[in-house]
């Protein structure tokens, strides 16, 4: 009896297409700036996102990157925009880390904010 082929060796497995704009992205290989480390403090997140935003400003594919993140509910910093900024623009974020509540002057649970409070 032969073993079933592994998913990586099967020719009929369809993988999601990588958007063509990603090849020209300035951020390629810099995931450290665009995705938080576990237990990242708010101040560290702000510094990291400022550095990411500076890269995004120079990027020739910022607009399609931002649109892709908005349409696909991406997590992290994409197209010069944080999860919080996508939320404020009216887009849902699949797994938000936290959103800043300016009225209360502190961070609040993201799930509550995304749910529509």
PDB file of N, CA and C in Angstrom:
ATOM      1  N   UNK A   1       0.846  -1.177   0.000  1.00  0.00           N
ATOM      2  CA  UNK A   1       0.000   0.000   0.000  1.00  0.00           C
ATOM      3  C   UNK A   1       0.891   1.239   0.000  1.00  0.00           C
ATOM      4  N   UNK A   2       0.620   2.179  -0.894  1.00  0.00           N
ATOM      5  CA  UNK A   2       1.451   3.377  -0.968  1.00  0.00           C
ATOM      6  C   UNK A   2       0.855   4.475  -0.096  1.00  0.00           C
ATOM      7  N   UNK A   3       1.733   5.315   0.408  1.00  0.00           N
ATOM      8  CA  UNK A   3       1.292   6.424   1.267  1.00  0.00           C
ATOM      9  C   UNK A   3       0.690   7.524   0.405  1.00  0.00           C
ATOM     10  N   UNK A   4      -0.245   8.238   0.972  1.00  0.00           N
ATOM     11  CA  UNK A   4      -0.864   9.369   0.269  1.00  0.00           C
ATOM     12  C   UNK A   4       0.186  10.449   0.057  1.00  0.00           C
ATOM     13  N   UNK A   5       0.123  11.157  -1.047  1.00  0.00           N
ATOM     14  CA  UNK A   5       1.109  12.221  -1.278  1.00  0.00           C
ATOM     15  C   UNK A   5       0.935  13.343  -0.266  1.00  0.00           C
ATOM     16  N   UNK A   6       2.054  13.934   0.124  1.00  0.00           N
ATOM     17  CA  UNK A   6       1.976  15.052   1.062  1.00  0.00           C
ATOM     18  C   UNK A   6       1.414  16.261   0.316  1.00  0.00           C
ATOM     19  N   UNK A   7       0.782  17.200   1.041  1.00  0.00           N
ATOM     20  CA  UNK A   7       0.207  18.373   0.377  1.00  0.00           C
ATOM     21  C   UNK A   7       1.215  19.137  -0.477  1.00  0.00           C
ATOM     22  N   UNK A   8       2.481  19.167  -0.051  1.00  0.00           N
ATOM     23  CA  UNK A   8       3.460  19.933  -0.811  1.00  0.00           C
ATOM     24  C   UNK A   8       3.873  19.236  -2.103  1.00  0.00           C
ATOM     25  N   UNK A   9       3.621  17.919  -2.218  1.00  0.00           N
ATOM     26  CA  UNK A   9       4.013  17.214  -3.427  1.00  0.00           C
ATOM     27  C   UNK A   9       2.855  17.030  -4.395  1.00  0.00           C
ATOM     28  N   UNK A  10       1.674  17.417  -4.011  1.00  0.00           N
ATOM     29  CA  UNK A  10       0.509  17.264  -4.886  1.00  0.00           C
ATOM     30  C   UNK A  10       0.461  18.399  -5.893  1.00  0.00           C
ATOM     31  N   UNK A  11       0.204  18.070  -7.141  1.00  0.00           N
ATOM     32  CA  UNK A  11       0.155  19.089  -8.178  1.00  0.00           C
ATOM     33  C   UNK A  11      -1.211  19.760  -8.265  1.00  0.00           C
ATOM     34  N   UNK A  12      -2.226  19.197  -7.617  1.00  0.00           N
ATOM     35  CA  UNK A  12      -3.560  19.773  -7.709  1.00  0.00           C
ATOM     36  C   UNK A  12      -3.888  20.730  -6.567  1.00  0.00           C
ATOM     37  N   UNK A  13      -2.929  21.002  -5.684  1.00  0.00           N
ATOM     38  CA  UNK A  13      -3.153  21.909  -4.562  1.00  0.00           C
ATOM     39  C   UNK A  13      -2.999  23.340  -5.062  1.00  0.00           C
ATOM     40  N   UNK A  14      -4.019  24.145  -4.843  1.00  0.00           N
ATOM     41  CA  UNK A  14      -3.976  25.546  -5.250  1.00  0.00           C
ATOM     42  C   UNK A  14      -3.575  26.410  -4.066  1.00  0.00           C
ATOM     43  N   UNK A  15      -2.559  27.196  -4.258  1.00  0.00           N
ATOM     44  CA  UNK A  15      -2.113  28.122  -3.226  1.00  0.00           C
ATOM     45  C   UNK A  15      -2.635  29.511  -3.577  1.00  0.00           C
ATOM     46  N   UNK A  16      -2.900  30.338  -2.553  1.00  0.00           N
ATOM     47  CA  UNK A  16      -3.379  31.687  -2.849  1.00  0.00           C
ATOM     48  C   UNK A  16      -2.330  32.451  -3.651  1.00  0.00           C
ATOM     49  N   UNK A  17      -2.777  33.227  -4.590  1.00  0.00           N
ATOM     50  CA  UNK A  17      -1.872  34.029  -5.408  1.00  0.00           C
ATOM     51  C   UNK A  17      -1.315  35.183  -4.582  1.00  0.00           C
ATOM     52  N   UNK A  18      -0.047  35.470  -4.782  1.00  0.00           N
ATOM     53  CA  UNK A  18       0.586  36.606  -4.120  1.00  0.00           C
ATOM     54  C   UNK A  18       0.332  37.825  -5.001  1.00  0.00           C
ATOM     55  N   UNK A  19      -0.217  38.896  -4.431  1.00  0.00           N
ATOM     56  CA  UNK A  19      -0.470  40.082  -5.245  1.00  0.00           C
ATOM     57  C   UNK A  19       0.810  40.569  -5.927  1.00  0.00           C
ATOM     58  N   UNK A  20       0.708  40.980  -7.176  1.00  0.00           N
ATOM     59  CA  UNK A  20       1.877  41.382  -7.953  1.00  0.00           C
ATOM     60  C   UNK A  20       2.591  42.600  -7.364  1.00  0.00           C
ATOM     61  N   UNK A  21       1.881  43.464  -6.679  1.00  0.00           N
ATOM     62  CA  UNK A  21       2.496  44.660  -6.117  1.00  0.00           C
ATOM     63  C   UNK A  21       3.526  44.342  -5.044  1.00  0.00           C
ATOM     64  N   UNK A  22       3.424  43.177  -4.390  1.00  0.00           N
ATOM     65  CA  UNK A  22       4.332  42.845  -3.289  1.00  0.00           C
ATOM     66  C   UNK A  22       5.791  42.752  -3.725  1.00  0.00           C
ATOM     67  N   UNK A  23       6.041  42.405  -4.979  1.00  0.00           N
ATOM     68  CA  UNK A  23       7.418  42.298  -5.460  1.00  0.00           C
ATOM     69  C   UNK A  23       8.131  43.653  -5.421  1.00  0.00           C
ATOM     70  N   UNK A  24       7.403  44.741  -5.564  1.00  0.00           N
ATOM     71  CA  UNK A  24       8.001  46.075  -5.586  1.00  0.00           C
ATOM     72  C   UNK A  24       7.945  46.776  -4.228  1.00  0.00           C
ATOM     73  N   UNK A  25       7.476  46.104  -3.198  1.00  0.00           N
ATOM     74  CA  UNK A  25       7.315  46.733  -1.882  1.00  0.00           C
ATOM     75  C   UNK A  25       8.665  47.028  -1.231  1.00  0.00           C
ATOM     76  N   UNK A  26       8.806  48.231  -0.709  1.00  0.00           N
ATOM     77  CA  UNK A  26      10.027  48.661  -0.028  1.00  0.00           C
ATOM     78  C   UNK A  26      10.240  47.867   1.266  1.00  0.00           C
ATOM     79  N   UNK A  27       9.172  47.402   1.869  1.00  0.00           N
ATOM     80  CA  UNK A  27       9.231  46.736   3.173  1.00  0.00           C
ATOM     81  C   UNK A  27       9.614  45.262   3.099  1.00  0.00           C
ATOM     82  N   UNK A  28       9.774  44.720   1.919  1.00  0.00           N
ATOM     83  CA  UNK A  28      10.032  43.291   1.782  1.00  0.00           C
ATOM     84  C   UNK A  28      11.190  42.861   2.698  1.00  0.00           C
ATOM     85  N   UNK A  29      10.919  41.870   3.539  1.00  0.00           N
ATOM     86  CA  UNK A  29      11.920  41.367   4.479  1.00  0.00           C
ATOM     87  C   UNK A  29      11.994  42.117   5.794  1.00  0.00           C
ATOM     88  N   UNK A  30      11.130  43.071   6.028  1.00  0.00           N
ATOM     89  CA  UNK A  30      11.164  43.891   7.244  1.00  0.00           C
ATOM     90  C   UNK A  30       9.950  43.648   8.129  1.00  0.00           C
ATOM     91  N   UNK A  31       9.555  42.411   8.303  1.00  0.00           N
ATOM     92  CA  UNK A  31       8.356  42.113   9.093  1.00  0.00           C
ATOM     93  C   UNK A  31       8.464  42.627  10.528  1.00  0.00           C
ATOM     94  N   UNK A  32       9.683  42.820  11.028  1.00  0.00           N
ATOM     95  CA  UNK A  32       9.860  43.319  12.390  1.00  0.00           C
ATOM     96  C   UNK A  32       9.218  44.686  12.590  1.00  0.00           C
ATOM     97  N   UNK A  33       9.129  45.486  11.545  1.00  0.00           N
ATOM     98  CA  UNK A  33       8.516  46.813  11.666  1.00  0.00           C
ATOM     99  C   UNK A  33       7.010  46.795  11.484  1.00  0.00           C
ATOM    100  N   UNK A  34       6.493  45.787  10.836  1.00  0.00           N
ATOM    101  CA  UNK A  34       5.097  45.813  10.426  1.00  0.00           C
ATOM    102  C   UNK A  34       4.174  44.914  11.246  1.00  0.00           C
ATOM    103  N   UNK A  35       4.766  44.069  12.079  1.00  0.00           N
ATOM    104  CA  UNK A  35       3.968  43.181  12.928  1.00  0.00           C
ATOM    105  C   UNK A  35       4.535  43.212  14.337  1.00  0.00           C
ATOM    106  N   UNK A  36       3.673  43.348  15.349  1.00  0.00           N
ATOM    107  CA  UNK A  36       4.164  43.478  16.722  1.00  0.00           C
ATOM    108  C   UNK A  36       4.748  42.188  17.272  1.00  0.00           C
ATOM    109  N   UNK A  37       5.699  42.374  18.168  1.00  0.00           N
ATOM    110  CA  UNK A  37       6.216  41.237  18.925  1.00  0.00           C
ATOM    111  C   UNK A  37       5.201  40.919  20.005  1.00  0.00           C
ATOM    112  N   UNK A  38       5.259  39.720  20.509  1.00  0.00           N
ATOM    113  CA  UNK A  38       4.356  39.320  21.593  1.00  0.00           C
ATOM    114  C   UNK A  38       4.559  40.240  22.794  1.00  0.00           C
ATOM    115  N   UNK A  39       3.493  40.673  23.378  1.00  0.00           N
ATOM    116  CA  UNK A  39       3.491  41.540  24.565  1.00  0.00           C
ATOM    117  C   UNK A  39       4.177  42.881  24.322  1.00  0.00           C
ATOM    118  N   UNK A  40       4.035  43.420  23.127  1.00  0.00           N
ATOM    119  CA  UNK A  40       4.631  44.719  22.810  1.00  0.00           C
ATOM    120  C   UNK A  40       3.933  45.812  23.611  1.00  0.00           C
ATOM    121  N   UNK A  41       4.707  46.678  24.207  1.00  0.00           N
ATOM    122  CA  UNK A  41       4.153  47.790  24.978  1.00  0.00           C
ATOM    123  C   UNK A  41       3.672  48.889  24.033  1.00  0.00           C
ATOM    124  N   UNK A  42       2.675  49.668  24.464  1.00  0.00           N
ATOM    125  CA  UNK A  42       2.131  50.723  23.596  1.00  0.00           C
ATOM    126  C   UNK A  42       3.191  51.703  23.075  1.00  0.00           C
ATOM    127  N   UNK A  43       4.156  52.084  23.922  1.00  0.00           N
ATOM    128  CA  UNK A  43       5.196  53.026  23.499  1.00  0.00           C
ATOM    129  C   UNK A  43       6.081  52.408  22.424  1.00  0.00           C
ATOM    130  N   UNK A  44       6.394  51.118  22.569  1.00  0.00           N
ATOM    131  CA  UNK A  44       7.216  50.420  21.572  1.00  0.00           C
ATOM    132  C   UNK A  44       6.445  50.291  20.266  1.00  0.00           C
ATOM    133  N   UNK A  45       5.159  50.059  20.370  1.00  0.00           N
ATOM    134  CA  UNK A  45       4.326  49.951  19.168  1.00  0.00           C
ATOM    135  C   UNK A  45       4.318  51.275  18.410  1.00  0.00           C
ATOM    136  N   UNK A  46       4.189  52.384  19.126  1.00  0.00           N
ATOM    137  CA  UNK A  46       4.185  53.690  18.483  1.00  0.00           C
ATOM    138  C   UNK A  46       5.497  53.952  17.759  1.00  0.00           C
ATOM    139  N   UNK A  47       6.631  53.623  18.389  1.00  0.00           N
ATOM    140  CA  UNK A  47       7.942  53.811  17.750  1.00  0.00           C
ATOM    141  C   UNK A  47       8.070  52.926  16.510  1.00  0.00           C
ATOM    142  N   UNK A  48       7.651  51.669  16.628  1.00  0.00           N
ATOM    143  CA  UNK A  48       7.741  50.728  15.518  1.00  0.00           C
ATOM    144  C   UNK A  48       6.874  51.195  14.351  1.00  0.00           C
ATOM    145  N   UNK A  49       5.661  51.631  14.642  1.00  0.00           N
ATOM    146  CA  UNK A  49       4.751  52.070  13.592  1.00  0.00           C
ATOM    147  C   UNK A  49       5.213  53.379  12.944  1.00  0.00           C
ATOM    148  N   UNK A  50       5.869  54.252  13.699  1.00  0.00           N
ATOM    149  CA  UNK A  50       6.436  55.471  13.095  1.00  0.00           C
ATOM    150  C   UNK A  50       7.522  55.111  12.086  1.00  0.00           C
ATOM    151  N   UNK A  51       8.374  54.157  12.448  1.00  0.00           N
ATOM    152  CA  UNK A  51       9.431  53.709  11.534  1.00  0.00           C
ATOM    153  C   UNK A  51       8.828  53.043  10.299  1.00  0.00           C
ATOM    154  N   UNK A  52       7.785  52.261  10.496  1.00  0.00           N
ATOM    155  CA  UNK A  52       7.111  51.603   9.371  1.00  0.00           C
ATOM    156  C   UNK A  52       6.482  52.649   8.454  1.00  0.00           C
ATOM    157  N   UNK A  53       5.861  53.664   9.032  1.00  0.00           N
ATOM    158  CA  UNK A  53       5.213  54.710   8.241  1.00  0.00           C
ATOM    159  C   UNK A  53       6.230  55.463   7.387  1.00  0.00           C
ATOM    160  N   UNK A  54       7.447  55.648   7.904  1.00  0.00           N
ATOM    161  CA  UNK A  54       8.485  56.329   7.128  1.00  0.00           C
ATOM    162  C   UNK A  54       8.862  55.502   5.897  1.00  0.00           C
ATOM    163  N   UNK A  55       8.931  54.194   6.043  1.00  0.00           N
ATOM    164  CA  UNK A  55       9.196  53.330   4.884  1.00  0.00           C
ATOM    165  C   UNK A  55       8.040  53.394   3.891  1.00  0.00           C
ATOM    166  N   UNK A  56       6.822  53.352   4.407  1.00  0.00           N
ATOM    167  CA  UNK A  56       5.640  53.372   3.542  1.00  0.00           C
ATOM    168  C   UNK A  56       5.560  54.653   2.720  1.00  0.00           C
ATOM    169  N   UNK A  57       6.001  55.783   3.280  1.00  0.00           N
ATOM    170  CA  UNK A  57       5.944  57.049   2.553  1.00  0.00           C
ATOM    171  C   UNK A  57       6.760  56.994   1.272  1.00  0.00           C
ATOM    172  N   UNK A  58       7.851  56.207   1.268  1.00  0.00           N
ATOM    173  CA  UNK A  58       8.740  56.109   0.111  1.00  0.00           C
ATOM    174  C   UNK A  58       8.336  54.985  -0.840  1.00  0.00           C
ATOM    175  N   UNK A  59       7.349  54.204  -0.473  1.00  0.00           N
ATOM    176  CA  UNK A  59       7.029  52.985  -1.210  1.00  0.00           C
ATOM    177  C   UNK A  59       6.160  53.266  -2.444  1.00  0.00           C
ATOM    178  N   UNK A  60       6.555  52.717  -3.594  1.00  0.00           N
ATOM    179  CA  UNK A  60       5.774  52.941  -4.812  1.00  0.00           C
ATOM    180  C   UNK A  60       4.460  52.164  -4.854  1.00  0.00           C
ATOM    181  N   UNK A  61       4.273  51.221  -3.939  1.00  0.00           N
ATOM    182  CA  UNK A  61       3.046  50.406  -3.962  1.00  0.00           C
ATOM    183  C   UNK A  61       2.216  50.595  -2.682  1.00  0.00           C
ATOM    184  N   UNK A  62       2.352  51.763  -2.054  1.00  0.00           N
ATOM    185  CA  UNK A  62       1.633  52.017  -0.806  1.00  0.00           C
ATOM    186  C   UNK A  62       0.116  51.923  -0.991  1.00  0.00           C
ATOM    187  N   UNK A  63      -0.416  52.496  -2.048  1.00  0.00           N
ATOM    188  CA  UNK A  63      -1.873  52.522  -2.250  1.00  0.00           C
ATOM    189  C   UNK A  63      -2.430  51.105  -2.455  1.00  0.00           C
ATOM    190  N   UNK A  64      -1.888  50.276  -3.352  1.00  0.00           N
ATOM    191  CA  UNK A  64      -2.447  48.924  -3.470  1.00  0.00           C
ATOM    192  C   UNK A  64      -2.236  48.088  -2.207  1.00  0.00           C
ATOM    193  N   UNK A  65      -1.158  48.327  -1.491  1.00  0.00           N
ATOM    194  CA  UNK A  65      -0.908  47.623  -0.227  1.00  0.00           C
ATOM    195  C   UNK A  65      -1.989  47.979   0.791  1.00  0.00           C
ATOM    196  N   UNK A  66      -2.260  49.261   0.922  1.00  0.00           N
ATOM    197  CA  UNK A  66      -3.290  49.723   1.858  1.00  0.00           C
ATOM    198  C   UNK A  66      -4.658  49.164   1.484  1.00  0.00           C
ATOM    199  N   UNK A  67      -4.990  49.201   0.202  1.00  0.00           N
ATOM    200  CA  UNK A  67      -6.281  48.706  -0.245  1.00  0.00           C
ATOM    201  C   UNK A  67      -6.412  47.205   0.002  1.00  0.00           C
ATOM    202  N   UNK A  68      -5.339  46.470  -0.235  1.00  0.00           N
ATOM    203  CA  UNK A  68      -5.345  45.024   0.002  1.00  0.00           C
ATOM    204  C   UNK A  68      -5.586  44.721   1.482  1.00  0.00           C
ATOM    205  N   UNK A  69      -4.932  45.478   2.354  1.00  0.00           N
ATOM    206  CA  UNK A  69      -5.106  45.286   3.795  1.00  0.00           C
ATOM    207  C   UNK A  69      -6.535  45.589   4.223  1.00  0.00           C
ATOM    208  N   UNK A  70      -7.106  46.631   3.656  1.00  0.00           N
ATOM    209  CA  UNK A  70      -8.476  46.997   3.997  1.00  0.00           C
ATOM    210  C   UNK A  70      -9.466  45.935   3.525  1.00  0.00           C
ATOM    211  N   UNK A  71      -9.292  45.467   2.314  1.00  0.00           N
ATOM    212  CA  UNK A  71     -10.222  44.489   1.741  1.00  0.00           C
ATOM    213  C   UNK A  71     -10.108  43.109   2.388  1.00  0.00           C
ATOM    214  N   UNK A  72      -8.921  42.760   2.865  1.00  0.00           N
ATOM    215  CA  UNK A  72      -8.686  41.418   3.404  1.00  0.00           C
ATOM    216  C   UNK A  72      -8.570  41.371   4.918  1.00  0.00           C
ATOM    217  N   UNK A  73      -8.927  42.490   5.579  1.00  0.00           N
ATOM    218  CA  UNK A  73      -8.925  42.557   7.054  1.00  0.00           C
ATOM    219  C   UNK A  73      -7.579  42.128   7.638  1.00  0.00           C
ATOM    220  N   UNK A  74      -6.510  42.672   7.084  1.00  0.00           N
ATOM    221  CA  UNK A  74      -5.167  42.280   7.508  1.00  0.00           C
ATOM    222  C   UNK A  74      -4.831  42.775   8.901  1.00  0.00           C
ATOM    223  N   UNK A  75      -3.934  42.056   9.516  1.00  0.00           N
ATOM    224  CA  UNK A  75      -3.400  42.354  10.835  1.00  0.00           C
ATOM    225  C   UNK A  75      -2.026  42.983  10.629  1.00  0.00           C
ATOM    226  N   UNK A  76      -1.686  43.970  11.393  1.00  0.00           N
ATOM    227  CA  UNK A  76      -0.375  44.598  11.278  1.00  0.00           C
ATOM    228  C   UNK A  76      -0.464  45.955  10.601  1.00  0.00           C
ATOM    229  N   UNK A  77       0.677  46.467  10.227  1.00  0.00           N
ATOM    230  CA  UNK A  77       0.805  47.792   9.619  1.00  0.00           C
ATOM    231  C   UNK A  77       0.986  47.602   8.123  1.00  0.00           C
ATOM    232  N   UNK A  78       0.058  48.099   7.322  1.00  0.00           N
ATOM    233  CA  UNK A  78       0.065  47.909   5.864  1.00  0.00           C
ATOM    234  C   UNK A  78      -0.231  49.230   5.170  1.00  0.00           C
ATOM    235  N   UNK A  79       0.516  49.531   4.130  1.00  0.00           N
ATOM    236  CA  UNK A  79       0.227  50.695   3.306  1.00  0.00           C
ATOM    237  C   UNK A  79       0.194  52.005   4.068  1.00  0.00           C
ATOM    238  N   UNK A  80       1.039  52.119   5.082  1.00  0.00           N
ATOM    239  CA  UNK A  80       1.081  53.342   5.873  1.00  0.00           C
ATOM    240  C   UNK A  80      -0.037  53.471   6.881  1.00  0.00           C
ATOM    241  N   UNK A  81      -0.691  52.358   7.188  1.00  0.00           N
ATOM    242  CA  UNK A  81      -1.885  52.408   8.032  1.00  0.00           C
ATOM    243  C   UNK A  81      -1.860  51.295   9.087  1.00  0.00           C
ATOM    244  N   UNK A  82      -2.128  51.683  10.315  1.00  0.00           N
ATOM    245  CA  UNK A  82      -2.217  50.710  11.406  1.00  0.00           C
ATOM    246  C   UNK A  82      -3.622  50.110  11.454  1.00  0.00           C
ATOM    247  N   UNK A  83      -3.785  49.094  12.259  1.00  0.00           N
ATOM    248  CA  UNK A  83      -5.116  48.498  12.458  1.00  0.00           C
ATOM    249  C   UNK A  83      -6.090  49.542  12.976  1.00  0.00           C
ATOM    250  N   UNK A  84      -5.618  50.359  13.884  1.00  0.00           N
ATOM    251  CA  UNK A  84      -6.464  51.408  14.463  1.00  0.00           C
ATOM    252  C   UNK A  84      -6.917  52.381  13.377  1.00  0.00           C
ATOM    253  N   UNK A  85      -6.010  52.773  12.502  1.00  0.00           N
ATOM    254  CA  UNK A  85      -6.366  53.709  11.434  1.00  0.00           C
ATOM    255  C   UNK A  85      -7.338  53.074  10.436  1.00  0.00           C
ATOM    256  N   UNK A  86      -7.156  51.782  10.151  1.00  0.00           N
ATOM    257  CA  UNK A  86      -8.119  51.092   9.273  1.00  0.00           C
ATOM    258  C   UNK A  86      -9.492  51.050   9.931  1.00  0.00           C
ATOM    259  N   UNK A  87      -9.515  50.803  11.226  1.00  0.00           N
ATOM    260  CA  UNK A  87     -10.779  50.791  11.968  1.00  0.00           C
ATOM    261  C   UNK A  87     -11.465  52.158  11.884  1.00  0.00           C
ATOM    262  N   UNK A  88     -10.693  53.230  12.093  1.00  0.00           N
ATOM    263  CA  UNK A  88     -11.257  54.579  12.036  1.00  0.00           C
ATOM    264  C   UNK A  88     -11.755  54.935  10.637  1.00  0.00           C
ATOM    265  N   UNK A  89     -11.148  54.324   9.619  1.00  0.00           N
ATOM    266  CA  UNK A  89     -11.575  54.564   8.234  1.00  0.00           C
ATOM    267  C   UNK A  89     -12.812  53.746   7.880  1.00  0.00           C
ATOM    268  N   UNK A  90     -13.288  52.943   8.827  1.00  0.00           N
ATOM    269  CA  UNK A  90     -14.518  52.184   8.608  1.00  0.00           C
ATOM    270  C   UNK A  90     -14.333  50.747   8.161  1.00  0.00           C
ATOM    271  N   UNK A  91     -13.107  50.243   8.238  1.00  0.00           N
ATOM    272  CA  UNK A  91     -12.839  48.864   7.835  1.00  0.00           C
ATOM    273  C   UNK A  91     -12.710  47.986   9.068  1.00  0.00           C
ATOM    274  N   UNK A  92     -13.203  46.766   8.962  1.00  0.00           N
ATOM    275  CA  UNK A  92     -13.073  45.815  10.060  1.00  0.00           C
ATOM    276  C   UNK A  92     -11.690  45.187  10.018  1.00  0.00           C
ATOM    277  N   UNK A  93     -11.156  44.907  11.187  1.00  0.00           N
ATOM    278  CA  UNK A  93      -9.859  44.258  11.326  1.00  0.00           C
ATOM    279  C   UNK A  93     -10.117  42.906  11.967  1.00  0.00           C
ATOM    280  N   UNK A  94      -9.565  41.854  11.380  1.00  0.00           N
ATOM    281  CA  UNK A  94      -9.861  40.493  11.838  1.00  0.00           C
ATOM    282  C   UNK A  94      -9.369  40.217  13.258  1.00  0.00           C
ATOM    283  N   UNK A  95      -8.159  40.627  13.581  1.00  0.00           N
ATOM    284  CA  UNK A  95      -7.592  40.303  14.888  1.00  0.00           C
ATOM    285  C   UNK A  95      -6.882  41.514  15.479  1.00  0.00           C
ATOM    286  N   UNK A  96      -7.618  42.561  15.826  1.00  0.00           N
ATOM    287  CA  UNK A  96      -6.964  43.768  16.338  1.00  0.00           C
ATOM    288  C   UNK A  96      -6.306  43.540  17.682  1.00  0.00           C
ATOM    289  N   UNK A  97      -5.162  44.168  17.874  1.00  0.00           N
ATOM    290  CA  UNK A  97      -4.444  44.066  19.138  1.00  0.00           C
ATOM    291  C   UNK A  97      -5.087  44.969  20.170  1.00  0.00           C
ATOM    292  N   UNK A  98      -5.400  46.163  19.791  1.00  0.00           N
ATOM    293  CA  UNK A  98      -6.011  47.118  20.700  1.00  0.00           C
ATOM    294  C   UNK A  98      -6.239  48.417  19.976  1.00  0.00           C
ATOM    295  N   UNK A  99      -7.233  49.122  20.384  1.00  0.00           N
ATOM    296  CA  UNK A  99      -7.539  50.400  19.761  1.00  0.00           C
ATOM    297  C   UNK A  99      -7.542  51.477  20.827  1.00  0.00           C
ATOM    298  N   UNK A 100      -7.034  52.636  20.474  1.00  0.00           N
ATOM    299  CA  UNK A 100      -6.936  53.736  21.410  1.00  0.00           C
ATOM    300  C   UNK A 100      -8.276  54.452  21.499  1.00  0.00           C
ATOM    301  N   UNK A 101      -8.752  54.648  22.704  1.00  0.00           N
ATOM    302  CA  UNK A 101     -10.004  55.370  22.918  1.00  0.00           C
ATOM    303  C   UNK A 101      -9.651  56.766  23.429  1.00  0.00           C
ATOM    304  N   UNK A 102      -9.658  57.747  22.544  1.00  0.00           N
ATOM    305  CA  UNK A 102      -9.255  59.103  22.903  1.00  0.00           C
ATOM    306  C   UNK A 102     -10.177  59.712  23.956  1.00  0.00           C
ATOM    307  N   UNK A 103     -11.456  59.331  23.952  1.00  0.00           N
ATOM    308  CA  UNK A 103     -12.392  59.890  24.937  1.00  0.00           C
ATOM    309  C   UNK A 103     -11.995  59.496  26.353  1.00  0.00           C
ATOM    310  N   UNK A 104     -11.458  58.292  26.497  1.00  0.00           N
ATOM    311  CA  UNK A 104     -11.084  57.812  27.822  1.00  0.00           C
ATOM    312  C   UNK A 104      -9.593  58.008  28.083  1.00  0.00           C
ATOM    313  N   UNK A 105      -8.820  58.321  27.024  1.00  0.00           N
ATOM    314  CA  UNK A 105      -7.398  58.563  27.193  1.00  0.00           C
ATOM    315  C   UNK A 105      -6.605  57.307  27.499  1.00  0.00           C
ATOM    316  N   UNK A 106      -7.085  56.158  27.093  1.00  0.00           N
ATOM    317  CA  UNK A 106      -6.364  54.903  27.342  1.00  0.00           C
ATOM    318  C   UNK A 106      -6.762  53.888  26.284  1.00  0.00           C
ATOM    319  N   UNK A 107      -6.019  52.797  26.262  1.00  0.00           N
ATOM    320  CA  UNK A 107      -6.338  51.732  25.313  1.00  0.00           C
ATOM    321  C   UNK A 107      -7.501  50.924  25.857  1.00  0.00           C
ATOM    322  N   UNK A 108      -8.355  50.449  24.963  1.00  0.00           N
ATOM    323  CA  UNK A 108      -9.472  49.612  25.401  1.00  0.00           C
ATOM    324  C   UNK A 108      -9.452  48.335  24.598  1.00  0.00           C
ATOM    325  N   UNK A 109     -10.235  47.383  25.022  1.00  0.00           N
ATOM    326  CA  UNK A 109     -10.277  46.097  24.343  1.00  0.00           C
ATOM    327  C   UNK A 109     -10.726  46.283  22.903  1.00  0.00           C
ATOM    328  N   UNK A 110      -9.971  45.733  21.990  1.00  0.00           N
ATOM    329  CA  UNK A 110     -10.249  45.929  20.567  1.00  0.00           C
ATOM    330  C   UNK A 110     -11.544  45.246  20.138  1.00  0.00           C
ATOM    331  N   UNK A 111     -11.827  44.135  20.703  1.00  0.00           N
ATOM    332  CA  UNK A 111     -13.026  43.426  20.284  1.00  0.00           C
ATOM    333  C   UNK A 111     -14.283  44.243  20.557  1.00  0.00           C
ATOM    334  N   UNK A 112     -14.282  44.977  21.641  1.00  0.00           N
ATOM    335  CA  UNK A 112     -15.402  45.841  21.964  1.00  0.00           C
ATOM    336  C   UNK A 112     -15.517  46.942  20.923  1.00  0.00           C
ATOM    337  N   UNK A 113     -14.373  47.530  20.551  1.00  0.00           N
ATOM    338  CA  UNK A 113     -14.380  48.630  19.578  1.00  0.00           C
ATOM    339  C   UNK A 113     -14.822  48.143  18.203  1.00  0.00           C
ATOM    340  N   UNK A 114     -14.358  47.000  17.795  1.00  0.00           N
ATOM    341  CA  UNK A 114     -14.698  46.471  16.476  1.00  0.00           C
ATOM    342  C   UNK A 114     -16.169  46.048  16.438  1.00  0.00           C
ATOM    343  N   UNK A 115     -16.689  45.594  17.573  1.00  0.00           N
ATOM    344  CA  UNK A 115     -18.076  45.171  17.640  1.00  0.00           C
ATOM    345  C   UNK A 115     -19.043  46.337  17.454  1.00  0.00           C
ATOM    346  N   UNK A 116     -18.529  47.557  17.594  1.00  0.00           N
ATOM    347  CA  UNK A 116     -19.386  48.710  17.311  1.00  0.00           C
ATOM    348  C   UNK A 116     -19.713  49.575  18.490  1.00  0.00           C
ATOM    349  N   UNK A 117     -19.021  49.419  19.590  1.00  0.00           N
ATOM    350  CA  UNK A 117     -19.276  50.300  20.745  1.00  0.00           C
ATOM    351  C   UNK A 117     -18.823  51.704  20.476  1.00  0.00           C
TER     352      UNK A 117
END
